[in-house]
Amino acid sequence: MSRVATPIRKNDNVLVITGKDRGKRGRVLKVDPEKNRLTVEGVNVIKRHTKPNPQRNIKGGIVEREAAVHASNVQLVCPECGAQTRVGHKILGDGRKVRICRKCEGVVDK
């Protein structure tokens, strides 16, 4: 399976554009580039039945946690204009390659 580089990184704010959680915004907690999937805070929450494990200090019961969503189902939210946008790239004067917002041309990277 070929690996596709997603323009979304950890701690980016994204908007879910399709699926059961459409319209929700959240912060990216984890990126899996091999499967092209992201874990987003408060999105795709599942219930997991866990057994207690005293050695790992895990209590048993029903635990709610976020499951991964495909990267194509989310869009980056620009920190400057606050709109959902596609990601472009630009090389600055000092030689750094940064991600930019396609709508306002603002720099996404800090």
PDB file of N, CA and C in Angstrom:
ATOM      1  N   MET A   1       0.847  -1.185   0.000  1.00  0.00           N
ATOM      2  CA  MET A   1       0.000   0.000   0.000  1.00  0.00           C
ATOM      3  C   MET A   1       0.889   1.244   0.000  1.00  0.00           C
ATOM      4  N   SER A   2       0.612   2.183  -0.885  1.00  0.00           N
ATOM      5  CA  SER A   2       1.438   3.383  -0.960  1.00  0.00           C
ATOM      6  C   SER A   2       1.044   4.380   0.116  1.00  0.00           C
ATOM      7  N   ARG A   3       2.041   5.081   0.619  1.00  0.00           N
ATOM      8  CA  ARG A   3       1.822   6.048   1.682  1.00  0.00           C
ATOM      9  C   ARG A   3       1.589   7.427   1.079  1.00  0.00           C
ATOM     10  N   VAL A   4       0.503   8.087   1.477  1.00  0.00           N
ATOM     11  CA  VAL A   4       0.176   9.413   0.969  1.00  0.00           C
ATOM     12  C   VAL A   4       0.462  10.418   2.075  1.00  0.00           C
ATOM     13  N   ALA A   5       1.241  11.440   1.770  1.00  0.00           N
ATOM     14  CA  ALA A   5       1.566  12.453   2.768  1.00  0.00           C
ATOM     15  C   ALA A   5       0.366  13.374   2.950  1.00  0.00           C
ATOM     16  N   THR A   6      -0.213  13.382   4.149  1.00  0.00           N
ATOM     17  CA  THR A   6      -1.342  14.256   4.427  1.00  0.00           C
ATOM     18  C   THR A   6      -0.824  15.609   4.898  1.00  0.00           C
ATOM     19  N   PRO A   7      -1.451  16.700   4.477  1.00  0.00           N
ATOM     20  CA  PRO A   7      -0.981  18.017   4.892  1.00  0.00           C
ATOM     21  C   PRO A   7      -1.383  18.379   6.318  1.00  0.00           C
ATOM     22  N   ILE A   8      -2.135  17.497   6.976  1.00  0.00           N
ATOM     23  CA  ILE A   8      -2.603  17.778   8.332  1.00  0.00           C
ATOM     24  C   ILE A   8      -1.657  17.146   9.331  1.00  0.00           C
ATOM     25  N   ARG A   9      -1.307  17.908  10.361  1.00  0.00           N
ATOM     26  CA  ARG A   9      -0.363  17.439  11.367  1.00  0.00           C
ATOM     27  C   ARG A   9      -1.002  17.454  12.746  1.00  0.00           C
ATOM     28  N   LYS A  10      -0.277  16.906  13.720  1.00  0.00           N
ATOM     29  CA  LYS A  10      -0.739  16.864  15.101  1.00  0.00           C
ATOM     30  C   LYS A  10      -0.937  18.292  15.619  1.00  0.00           C
ATOM     31  N   ASN A  11      -1.970  18.489  16.441  1.00  0.00           N
ATOM     32  CA  ASN A  11      -2.353  19.764  17.062  1.00  0.00           C
ATOM     33  C   ASN A  11      -2.961  20.773  16.093  1.00  0.00           C
ATOM     34  N   ASP A  12      -3.226  20.380  14.836  1.00  0.00           N
ATOM     35  CA  ASP A  12      -3.958  21.260  13.913  1.00  0.00           C
ATOM     36  C   ASP A  12      -5.439  21.230  14.283  1.00  0.00           C
ATOM     37  N   ASN A  13      -6.139  22.331  14.011  1.00  0.00           N
ATOM     38  CA  ASN A  13      -7.587  22.350  14.176  1.00  0.00           C
ATOM     39  C   ASN A  13      -8.215  21.988  12.843  1.00  0.00           C
ATOM     40  N   VAL A  14      -9.155  21.026  12.889  1.00  0.00           N
ATOM     41  CA  VAL A  14      -9.783  20.550  11.659  1.00  0.00           C
ATOM     42  C   VAL A  14     -11.300  20.581  11.802  1.00  0.00           C
ATOM     43  N   LEU A  15     -11.975  20.556  10.657  1.00  0.00           N
ATOM     44  CA  LEU A  15     -13.430  20.502  10.582  1.00  0.00           C
ATOM     45  C   LEU A  15     -13.804  19.219   9.852  1.00  0.00           C
ATOM     46  N   VAL A  16     -14.742  18.456  10.422  1.00  0.00           N
ATOM     47  CA  VAL A  16     -15.203  17.218   9.782  1.00  0.00           C
ATOM     48  C   VAL A  16     -16.196  17.612   8.702  1.00  0.00           C
ATOM     49  N   ILE A  17     -15.949  17.177   7.460  1.00  0.00           N
ATOM     50  CA  ILE A  17     -16.783  17.600   6.335  1.00  0.00           C
ATOM     51  C   ILE A  17     -17.770  16.532   5.889  1.00  0.00           C
ATOM     52  N   THR A  18     -17.635  15.297   6.386  1.00  0.00           N
ATOM     53  CA  THR A  18     -18.578  14.248   6.019  1.00  0.00           C
ATOM     54  C   THR A  18     -18.638  13.190   7.111  1.00  0.00           C
ATOM     55  N   GLY A  19     -19.715  12.423   7.120  1.00  0.00           N
ATOM     56  CA  GLY A  19     -19.876  11.369   8.114  1.00  0.00           C
ATOM     57  C   GLY A  19     -20.824  11.765   9.226  1.00  0.00           C
ATOM     58  N   LYS A  20     -20.907  10.907  10.249  1.00  0.00           N
ATOM     59  CA  LYS A  20     -21.874  11.132  11.325  1.00  0.00           C
ATOM     60  C   LYS A  20     -21.537  12.342  12.184  1.00  0.00           C
ATOM     61  N   ASP A  21     -20.276  12.768  12.205  1.00  0.00           N
ATOM     62  CA  ASP A  21     -19.851  13.917  13.009  1.00  0.00           C
ATOM     63  C   ASP A  21     -19.618  15.156  12.157  1.00  0.00           C
ATOM     64  N   ARG A  22     -20.297  15.239  11.011  1.00  0.00           N
ATOM     65  CA  ARG A  22     -20.131  16.372  10.101  1.00  0.00           C
ATOM     66  C   ARG A  22     -20.420  17.689  10.812  1.00  0.00           C
ATOM     67  N   GLY A  23     -19.540  18.679  10.593  1.00  0.00           N
ATOM     68  CA  GLY A  23     -19.721  19.997  11.192  1.00  0.00           C
ATOM     69  C   GLY A  23     -18.959  20.185  12.489  1.00  0.00           C
ATOM     70  N   LYS A  24     -18.446  19.108  13.073  1.00  0.00           N
ATOM     71  CA  LYS A  24     -17.704  19.229  14.334  1.00  0.00           C
ATOM     72  C   LYS A  24     -16.284  19.691  14.066  1.00  0.00           C
ATOM     73  N   ARG A  25     -15.770  20.495  15.000  1.00  0.00           N
ATOM     74  CA  ARG A  25     -14.379  20.936  14.935  1.00  0.00           C
ATOM     75  C   ARG A  25     -13.618  20.316  16.081  1.00  0.00           C
ATOM     76  N   GLY A  26     -12.351  20.066  15.871  1.00  0.00           N
ATOM     77  CA  GLY A  26     -11.545  19.481  16.929  1.00  0.00           C
ATOM     78  C   GLY A  26     -10.065  19.562  16.611  1.00  0.00           C
ATOM     79  N   ARG A  27      -9.272  19.218  17.620  1.00  0.00           N
ATOM     80  CA  ARG A  27      -7.814  19.241  17.503  1.00  0.00           C
ATOM     81  C   ARG A  27      -7.334  17.833  17.165  1.00  0.00           C
ATOM     82  N   VAL A  28      -6.356  17.734  16.273  1.00  0.00           N
ATOM     83  CA  VAL A  28      -5.810  16.439  15.884  1.00  0.00           C
ATOM     84  C   VAL A  28      -4.912  15.933  17.009  1.00  0.00           C
ATOM     85  N   LEU A  29      -5.242  14.733  17.534  1.00  0.00           N
ATOM     86  CA  LEU A  29      -4.473  14.145  18.627  1.00  0.00           C
ATOM     87  C   LEU A  29      -3.370  13.225  18.115  1.00  0.00           C
ATOM     88  N   LYS A  30      -3.649  12.522  16.990  1.00  0.00           N
ATOM     89  CA  LYS A  30      -2.716  11.524  16.495  1.00  0.00           C
ATOM     90  C   LYS A  30      -2.868  11.407  14.983  1.00  0.00           C
ATOM     91  N   VAL A  31      -1.754  11.216  14.286  1.00  0.00           N
ATOM     92  CA  VAL A  31      -1.769  11.048  12.834  1.00  0.00           C
ATOM     93  C   VAL A  31      -1.133   9.697  12.502  1.00  0.00           C
ATOM     94  N   ASP A  32      -1.818   8.901  11.682  1.00  0.00           N
ATOM     95  CA  ASP A  32      -1.289   7.623  11.224  1.00  0.00           C
ATOM     96  C   ASP A  32      -1.054   7.718   9.717  1.00  0.00           C
ATOM     97  N   PRO A  33       0.169   8.069   9.283  1.00  0.00           N
ATOM     98  CA  PRO A  33       0.416   8.258   7.849  1.00  0.00           C
ATOM     99  C   PRO A  33       0.352   6.966   7.041  1.00  0.00           C
ATOM    100  N   GLU A  34       0.590   5.818   7.689  1.00  0.00           N
ATOM    101  CA  GLU A  34       0.528   4.541   6.965  1.00  0.00           C
ATOM    102  C   GLU A  34      -0.891   4.263   6.458  1.00  0.00           C
ATOM    103  N   LYS A  35      -1.892   4.503   7.306  1.00  0.00           N
ATOM    104  CA  LYS A  35      -3.288   4.243   6.941  1.00  0.00           C
ATOM    105  C   LYS A  35      -4.008   5.504   6.506  1.00  0.00           C
ATOM    106  N   ASN A  36      -3.323   6.668   6.533  1.00  0.00           N
ATOM    107  CA  ASN A  36      -3.889   7.968   6.160  1.00  0.00           C
ATOM    108  C   ASN A  36      -5.108   8.308   7.017  1.00  0.00           C
ATOM    109  N   ARG A  37      -4.978   8.073   8.337  1.00  0.00           N
ATOM    110  CA  ARG A  37      -6.079   8.304   9.275  1.00  0.00           C
ATOM    111  C   ARG A  37      -5.624   9.227  10.397  1.00  0.00           C
ATOM    112  N   LEU A  38      -6.604   9.940  10.992  1.00  0.00           N
ATOM    113  CA  LEU A  38      -6.339  10.886  12.073  1.00  0.00           C
ATOM    114  C   LEU A  38      -7.265  10.588  13.243  1.00  0.00           C
ATOM    115  N   THR A  39      -6.790  10.883  14.450  1.00  0.00           N
ATOM    116  CA  THR A  39      -7.640  10.833  15.627  1.00  0.00           C
ATOM    117  C   THR A  39      -7.901  12.278  16.032  1.00  0.00           C
ATOM    118  N   VAL A  40      -9.178  12.666  16.060  1.00  0.00           N
ATOM    119  CA  VAL A  40      -9.566  14.044  16.336  1.00  0.00           C
ATOM    120  C   VAL A  40     -10.322  14.097  17.661  1.00  0.00           C
ATOM    121  N   GLU A  41     -10.018  15.102  18.470  1.00  0.00           N
ATOM    122  CA  GLU A  41     -10.615  15.271  19.793  1.00  0.00           C
ATOM    123  C   GLU A  41     -12.132  15.475  19.682  1.00  0.00           C
ATOM    124  N   GLY A  42     -12.911  14.606  20.344  1.00  0.00           N
ATOM    125  CA  GLY A  42     -14.360  14.737  20.385  1.00  0.00           C
ATOM    126  C   GLY A  42     -15.095  14.277  19.143  1.00  0.00           C
ATOM    127  N   VAL A  43     -14.389  13.632  18.219  1.00  0.00           N
ATOM    128  CA  VAL A  43     -14.991  13.190  16.968  1.00  0.00           C
ATOM    129  C   VAL A  43     -14.882  11.672  16.879  1.00  0.00           C
ATOM    130  N   ASN A  44     -15.934  11.013  16.382  1.00  0.00           N
ATOM    131  CA  ASN A  44     -15.979   9.561  16.204  1.00  0.00           C
ATOM    132  C   ASN A  44     -15.746   8.842  17.534  1.00  0.00           C
ATOM    133  N   VAL A  45     -16.511   9.238  18.550  1.00  0.00           N
ATOM    134  CA  VAL A  45     -16.372   8.653  19.880  1.00  0.00           C
ATOM    135  C   VAL A  45     -17.041   7.273  19.895  1.00  0.00           C
ATOM    136  N   ILE A  46     -16.288   6.272  20.353  1.00  0.00           N
ATOM    137  CA  ILE A  46     -16.791   4.903  20.426  1.00  0.00           C
ATOM    138  C   ILE A  46     -16.790   4.441  21.873  1.00  0.00           C
ATOM    139  N   LYS A  47     -17.572   3.404  22.149  1.00  0.00           N
ATOM    140  CA  LYS A  47     -17.595   2.808  23.482  1.00  0.00           C
ATOM    141  C   LYS A  47     -16.800   1.514  23.434  1.00  0.00           C
ATOM    142  N   ARG A  48     -15.846   1.385  24.334  1.00  0.00           N
ATOM    143  CA  ARG A  48     -14.972   0.227  24.376  1.00  0.00           C
ATOM    144  C   ARG A  48     -15.184  -0.492  25.710  1.00  0.00           C
ATOM    145  N   HIS A  49     -15.506  -1.782  25.662  1.00  0.00           N
ATOM    146  CA  HIS A  49     -15.675  -2.566  26.888  1.00  0.00           C
ATOM    147  C   HIS A  49     -14.313  -3.132  27.289  1.00  0.00           C
ATOM    148  N   THR A  50     -13.805  -2.705  28.436  1.00  0.00           N
ATOM    149  CA  THR A  50     -12.466  -3.106  28.859  1.00  0.00           C
ATOM    150  C   THR A  50     -12.523  -3.945  30.122  1.00  0.00           C
ATOM    151  N   LYS A  51     -11.619  -4.916  30.194  1.00  0.00           N
ATOM    152  CA  LYS A  51     -11.474  -5.740  31.385  1.00  0.00           C
ATOM    153  C   LYS A  51     -10.552  -5.022  32.368  1.00  0.00           C
ATOM    154  N   PRO A  52     -10.769  -5.183  33.663  1.00  0.00           N
ATOM    155  CA  PRO A  52      -9.851  -4.568  34.612  1.00  0.00           C
ATOM    156  C   PRO A  52      -8.482  -5.249  34.581  1.00  0.00           C
ATOM    157  N   ASN A  53      -7.440  -4.453  34.706  1.00  0.00           N
ATOM    158  CA  ASN A  53      -6.071  -4.964  34.741  1.00  0.00           C
ATOM    159  C   ASN A  53      -5.328  -4.249  35.866  1.00  0.00           C
ATOM    160  N   PRO A  54      -5.235  -4.863  37.039  1.00  0.00           N
ATOM    161  CA  PRO A  54      -4.593  -4.194  38.180  1.00  0.00           C
ATOM    162  C   PRO A  54      -3.108  -3.899  37.959  1.00  0.00           C
ATOM    163  N   GLN A  55      -2.438  -4.716  37.137  1.00  0.00           N
ATOM    164  CA  GLN A  55      -1.010  -4.483  36.890  1.00  0.00           C
ATOM    165  C   GLN A  55      -0.774  -3.174  36.148  1.00  0.00           C
ATOM    166  N   ARG A  56      -1.643  -2.865  35.191  1.00  0.00           N
ATOM    167  CA  ARG A  56      -1.515  -1.617  34.433  1.00  0.00           C
ATOM    168  C   ARG A  56      -2.346  -0.488  35.032  1.00  0.00           C
ATOM    169  N   ASN A  57      -3.011  -0.753  36.153  1.00  0.00           N
ATOM    170  CA  ASN A  57      -3.849   0.233  36.842  1.00  0.00           C
ATOM    171  C   ASN A  57      -5.018   0.680  35.946  1.00  0.00           C
ATOM    172  N   ILE A  58      -5.643  -0.305  35.265  1.00  0.00           N
ATOM    173  CA  ILE A  58      -6.791  -0.027  34.393  1.00  0.00           C
ATOM    174  C   ILE A  58      -8.054  -0.530  35.072  1.00  0.00           C
ATOM    175  N   LYS A  59      -9.026   0.364  35.219  1.00  0.00           N
ATOM    176  CA  LYS A  59     -10.317  -0.049  35.754  1.00  0.00           C
ATOM    177  C   LYS A  59     -11.167  -0.608  34.629  1.00  0.00           C
ATOM    178  N   GLY A  60     -11.997  -1.590  34.962  1.00  0.00           N
ATOM    179  CA  GLY A  60     -12.864  -2.187  33.962  1.00  0.00           C
ATOM    180  C   GLY A  60     -14.110  -1.345  33.742  1.00  0.00           C
ATOM    181  N   GLY A  61     -14.869  -1.685  32.723  1.00  0.00           N
ATOM    182  CA  GLY A  61     -16.117  -0.994  32.446  1.00  0.00           C
ATOM    183  C   GLY A  61     -16.177  -0.507  31.018  1.00  0.00           C
ATOM    184  N   ILE A  62     -17.139   0.375  30.762  1.00  0.00           N
ATOM    185  CA  ILE A  62     -17.331   0.918  29.423  1.00  0.00           C
ATOM    186  C   ILE A  62     -16.596   2.256  29.340  1.00  0.00           C
ATOM    187  N   VAL A  63     -15.633   2.325  28.433  1.00  0.00           N
ATOM    188  CA  VAL A  63     -14.801   3.520  28.278  1.00  0.00           C
ATOM    189  C   VAL A  63     -15.127   4.164  26.939  1.00  0.00           C
ATOM    190  N   GLU A  64     -15.357   5.484  26.947  1.00  0.00           N
ATOM    191  CA  GLU A  64     -15.570   6.214  25.692  1.00  0.00           C
ATOM    192  C   GLU A  64     -14.257   6.835  25.256  1.00  0.00           C
ATOM    193  N   ARG A  65     -13.912   6.634  23.975  1.00  0.00           N
ATOM    194  CA  ARG A  65     -12.690   7.233  23.447  1.00  0.00           C
ATOM    195  C   ARG A  65     -12.848   7.491  21.957  1.00  0.00           C
ATOM    196  N   GLU A  66     -11.942   8.304  21.424  1.00  0.00           N
ATOM    197  CA  GLU A  66     -12.013   8.674  20.017  1.00  0.00           C
ATOM    198  C   GLU A  66     -11.394   7.587  19.149  1.00  0.00           C
ATOM    199  N   ALA A  67     -12.052   7.285  18.045  1.00  0.00           N
ATOM    200  CA  ALA A  67     -11.503   6.374  17.040  1.00  0.00           C
ATOM    201  C   ALA A  67     -11.002   7.221  15.866  1.00  0.00           C
ATOM    202  N   ALA A  68     -10.194   6.610  15.021  1.00  0.00           N
ATOM    203  CA  ALA A  68      -9.596   7.329  13.899  1.00  0.00           C
ATOM    204  C   ALA A  68     -10.618   7.569  12.787  1.00  0.00           C
ATOM    205  N   VAL A  69     -10.441   8.686  12.077  1.00  0.00           N
ATOM    206  CA  VAL A  69     -11.236   8.986  10.888  1.00  0.00           C
ATOM    207  C   VAL A  69     -10.274   9.136   9.712  1.00  0.00           C
ATOM    208  N   HIS A  70     -10.763   8.924   8.501  1.00  0.00           N
ATOM    209  CA  HIS A  70      -9.905   9.049   7.326  1.00  0.00           C
ATOM    210  C   HIS A  70      -9.574  10.515   7.079  1.00  0.00           C
ATOM    211  N   ALA A  71      -8.359  10.770   6.622  1.00  0.00           N
ATOM    212  CA  ALA A  71      -7.890  12.145   6.425  1.00  0.00           C
ATOM    213  C   ALA A  71      -8.701  12.897   5.373  1.00  0.00           C
ATOM    214  N   SER A  72      -9.334  12.162   4.432  1.00  0.00           N
ATOM    215  CA  SER A  72     -10.125  12.820   3.394  1.00  0.00           C
ATOM    216  C   SER A  72     -11.445  13.355   3.942  1.00  0.00           C
ATOM    217  N   ASN A  73     -11.827  12.945   5.158  1.00  0.00           N
ATOM    218  CA  ASN A  73     -13.098  13.382   5.736  1.00  0.00           C
ATOM    219  C   ASN A  73     -12.978  14.645   6.571  1.00  0.00           C
ATOM    220  N   VAL A  74     -11.789  15.211   6.653  1.00  0.00           N
ATOM    221  CA  VAL A  74     -11.598  16.444   7.424  1.00  0.00           C
ATOM    222  C   VAL A  74     -10.886  17.483   6.573  1.00  0.00           C
ATOM    223  N   GLN A  75     -11.086  18.749   6.948  1.00  0.00           N
ATOM    224  CA  GLN A  75     -10.394  19.851   6.291  1.00  0.00           C
ATOM    225  C   GLN A  75      -9.776  20.736   7.344  1.00  0.00           C
ATOM    226  N   LEU A  76      -8.610  21.273   7.044  1.00  0.00           N
ATOM    227  CA  LEU A  76      -7.888  22.138   7.967  1.00  0.00           C
ATOM    228  C   LEU A  76      -8.644  23.445   8.176  1.00  0.00           C
ATOM    229  N   VAL A  77      -8.631  23.955   9.414  1.00  0.00           N
ATOM    230  CA  VAL A  77      -9.215  25.260   9.725  1.00  0.00           C
ATOM    231  C   VAL A  77      -8.066  26.244   9.860  1.00  0.00           C
ATOM    232  N   CYS A  78      -8.088  27.315   9.070  1.00  0.00           N
ATOM    233  CA  CYS A  78      -7.021  28.312   9.080  1.00  0.00           C
ATOM    234  C   CYS A  78      -7.035  29.071  10.409  1.00  0.00           C
ATOM    235  N   PRO A  79      -5.891  29.169  11.093  1.00  0.00           N
ATOM    236  CA  PRO A  79      -5.851  29.897  12.362  1.00  0.00           C
ATOM    237  C   PRO A  79      -6.026  31.410  12.197  1.00  0.00           C
ATOM    238  N   GLU A  80      -5.762  31.938  10.998  1.00  0.00           N
ATOM    239  CA  GLU A  80      -5.869  33.386  10.788  1.00  0.00           C
ATOM    240  C   GLU A  80      -7.280  33.815  10.408  1.00  0.00           C
ATOM    241  N   CYS A  81      -7.868  33.160   9.376  1.00  0.00           N
ATOM    242  CA  CYS A  81      -9.200  33.586   8.927  1.00  0.00           C
ATOM    243  C   CYS A  81     -10.316  32.735   9.522  1.00  0.00           C
ATOM    244  N   GLY A  82      -9.986  31.574  10.105  1.00  0.00           N
ATOM    245  CA  GLY A  82     -10.978  30.730  10.758  1.00  0.00           C
ATOM    246  C   GLY A  82     -11.858  29.934   9.810  1.00  0.00           C
ATOM    247  N   ALA A  83     -11.530  29.916   8.520  1.00  0.00           N
ATOM    248  CA  ALA A  83     -12.336  29.206   7.534  1.00  0.00           C
ATOM    249  C   ALA A  83     -11.716  27.842   7.231  1.00  0.00           C
ATOM    250  N   GLN A  84     -12.564  26.896   6.800  1.00  0.00           N
ATOM    251  CA  GLN A  84     -12.024  25.609   6.356  1.00  0.00           C
ATOM    252  C   GLN A  84     -11.337  25.846   5.026  1.00  0.00           C
ATOM    253  N   THR A  85     -10.204  25.220   4.822  1.00  0.00           N
ATOM    254  CA  THR A  85      -9.423  25.524   3.635  1.00  0.00           C
ATOM    255  C   THR A  85      -8.587  24.333   3.194  1.00  0.00           C
ATOM    256  N   ARG A  86      -8.188  24.364   1.943  1.00  0.00           N
ATOM    257  CA  ARG A  86      -7.186  23.420   1.462  1.00  0.00           C
ATOM    258  C   ARG A  86      -5.823  23.984   1.850  1.00  0.00           C
ATOM    259  N   VAL A  87      -4.807  23.142   1.766  1.00  0.00           N
ATOM    260  CA  VAL A  87      -3.482  23.543   2.215  1.00  0.00           C
ATOM    261  C   VAL A  87      -2.571  23.717   1.009  1.00  0.00           C
ATOM    262  N   GLY A  88      -1.877  24.859   0.973  1.00  0.00           N
ATOM    263  CA  GLY A  88      -0.866  25.102  -0.046  1.00  0.00           C
ATOM    264  C   GLY A  88       0.497  25.161   0.610  1.00  0.00           C
ATOM    265  N   HIS A  89       1.545  25.232  -0.201  1.00  0.00           N
ATOM    266  CA  HIS A  89       2.896  25.334   0.332  1.00  0.00           C
ATOM    267  C   HIS A  89       3.585  26.539  -0.283  1.00  0.00           C
ATOM    268  N   LYS A  90       4.488  27.134   0.500  1.00  0.00           N
ATOM    269  CA  LYS A  90       5.199  28.323   0.057  1.00  0.00           C
ATOM    270  C   LYS A  90       6.580  28.306   0.685  1.00  0.00           C
ATOM    271  N   ILE A  91       7.577  28.772  -0.042  1.00  0.00           N
ATOM    272  CA  ILE A  91       8.927  28.869   0.509  1.00  0.00           C
ATOM    273  C   ILE A  91       9.157  30.329   0.869  1.00  0.00           C
ATOM    274  N   LEU A  92       9.464  30.576   2.146  1.00  0.00           N
ATOM    275  CA  LEU A  92       9.674  31.934   2.635  1.00  0.00           C
ATOM    276  C   LEU A  92      11.060  32.437   2.252  1.00  0.00           C
ATOM    277  N   GLY A  93      11.304  33.717   2.522  1.00  0.00           N
ATOM    278  CA  GLY A  93      12.586  34.335   2.191  1.00  0.00           C
ATOM    279  C   GLY A  93      13.760  33.702   2.908  1.00  0.00           C
ATOM    280  N   ASP A  94      13.514  33.181   4.131  1.00  0.00           N
ATOM    281  CA  ASP A  94      14.618  32.571   4.886  1.00  0.00           C
ATOM    282  C   ASP A  94      14.821  31.099   4.525  1.00  0.00           C
ATOM    283  N   GLY A  95      14.095  30.599   3.502  1.00  0.00           N
ATOM    284  CA  GLY A  95      14.301  29.239   3.028  1.00  0.00           C
ATOM    285  C   GLY A  95      13.390  28.195   3.641  1.00  0.00           C
ATOM    286  N   ARG A  96      12.539  28.594   4.606  1.00  0.00           N
ATOM    287  CA  ARG A  96      11.625  27.630   5.232  1.00  0.00           C
ATOM    288  C   ARG A  96      10.450  27.341   4.306  1.00  0.00           C
ATOM    289  N   LYS A  97      10.027  26.068   4.249  1.00  0.00           N
ATOM    290  CA  LYS A  97       8.839  25.677   3.501  1.00  0.00           C
ATOM    291  C   LYS A  97       7.694  25.594   4.504  1.00  0.00           C
ATOM    292  N   VAL A  98       6.643  26.388   4.296  1.00  0.00           N
ATOM    293  CA  VAL A  98       5.535  26.445   5.244  1.00  0.00           C
ATOM    294  C   VAL A  98       4.227  26.122   4.533  1.00  0.00           C
ATOM    295  N   ARG A  99       3.241  25.704   5.328  1.00  0.00           N
ATOM    296  CA  ARG A  99       1.896  25.467   4.807  1.00  0.00           C
ATOM    297  C   ARG A  99       1.136  26.788   4.860  1.00  0.00           C
ATOM    298  N   ILE A 100       0.348  27.063   3.804  1.00  0.00           N
ATOM    299  CA  ILE A 100      -0.427  28.304   3.766  1.00  0.00           C
ATOM    300  C   ILE A 100      -1.899  27.984   3.506  1.00  0.00           C
ATOM    301  N   CYS A 101      -2.750  28.925   3.922  1.00  0.00           N
ATOM    302  CA  CYS A 101      -4.183  28.848   3.675  1.00  0.00           C
ATOM    303  C   CYS A 101      -4.440  29.260   2.230  1.00  0.00           C
ATOM    304  N   ARG A 102      -5.263  28.496   1.520  1.00  0.00           N
ATOM    305  CA  ARG A 102      -5.563  28.814   0.122  1.00  0.00           C
ATOM    306  C   ARG A 102      -6.529  30.001   0.000  1.00  0.00           C
ATOM    307  N   LYS A 103      -7.234  30.343   1.086  1.00  0.00           N
ATOM    308  CA  LYS A 103      -8.209  31.425   1.007  1.00  0.00           C
ATOM    309  C   LYS A 103      -7.604  32.786   1.327  1.00  0.00           C
ATOM    310  N   CYS A 104      -6.833  32.857   2.442  1.00  0.00           N
ATOM    311  CA  CYS A 104      -6.305  34.165   2.859  1.00  0.00           C
ATOM    312  C   CYS A 104      -4.796  34.285   2.678  1.00  0.00           C
ATOM    313  N   GLU A 105      -4.159  33.219   2.155  1.00  0.00           N
ATOM    314  CA  GLU A 105      -2.705  33.179   1.960  1.00  0.00           C
ATOM    315  C   GLU A 105      -1.926  33.323   3.265  1.00  0.00           C
ATOM    316  N   GLY A 106      -2.596  33.102   4.408  1.00  0.00           N
ATOM    317  CA  GLY A 106      -1.945  33.191   5.710  1.00  0.00           C
ATOM    318  C   GLY A 106      -1.135  31.945   6.002  1.00  0.00           C
ATOM    319  N   VAL A 107      -0.086  32.092   6.806  1.00  0.00           N
ATOM    320  CA  VAL A 107       0.780  30.972   7.153  1.00  0.00           C
ATOM    321  C   VAL A 107       0.108  30.143   8.254  1.00  0.00           C
ATOM    322  N   VAL A 108      -0.011  28.827   8.030  1.00  0.00           N
ATOM    323  CA  VAL A 108      -0.639  27.920   8.981  1.00  0.00           C
ATOM    324  C   VAL A 108       0.349  27.510  10.074  1.00  0.00           C
ATOM    325  N   ASP A 109       1.622  27.302   9.686  1.00  0.00           N
ATOM    326  CA  ASP A 109       2.651  26.894  10.645  1.00  0.00           C
ATOM    327  C   ASP A 109       3.057  28.058  11.522  1.00  0.00           C
ATOM    328  N   LYS A 110       3.333  27.748  12.782  1.00  0.00           N
ATOM    329  CA  LYS A 110       3.768  28.813  13.684  1.00  0.00           C
ATOM    330  C   LYS A 110       5.222  29.128  13.484  1.00  0.00           C
TER     331      LYS A 110
END
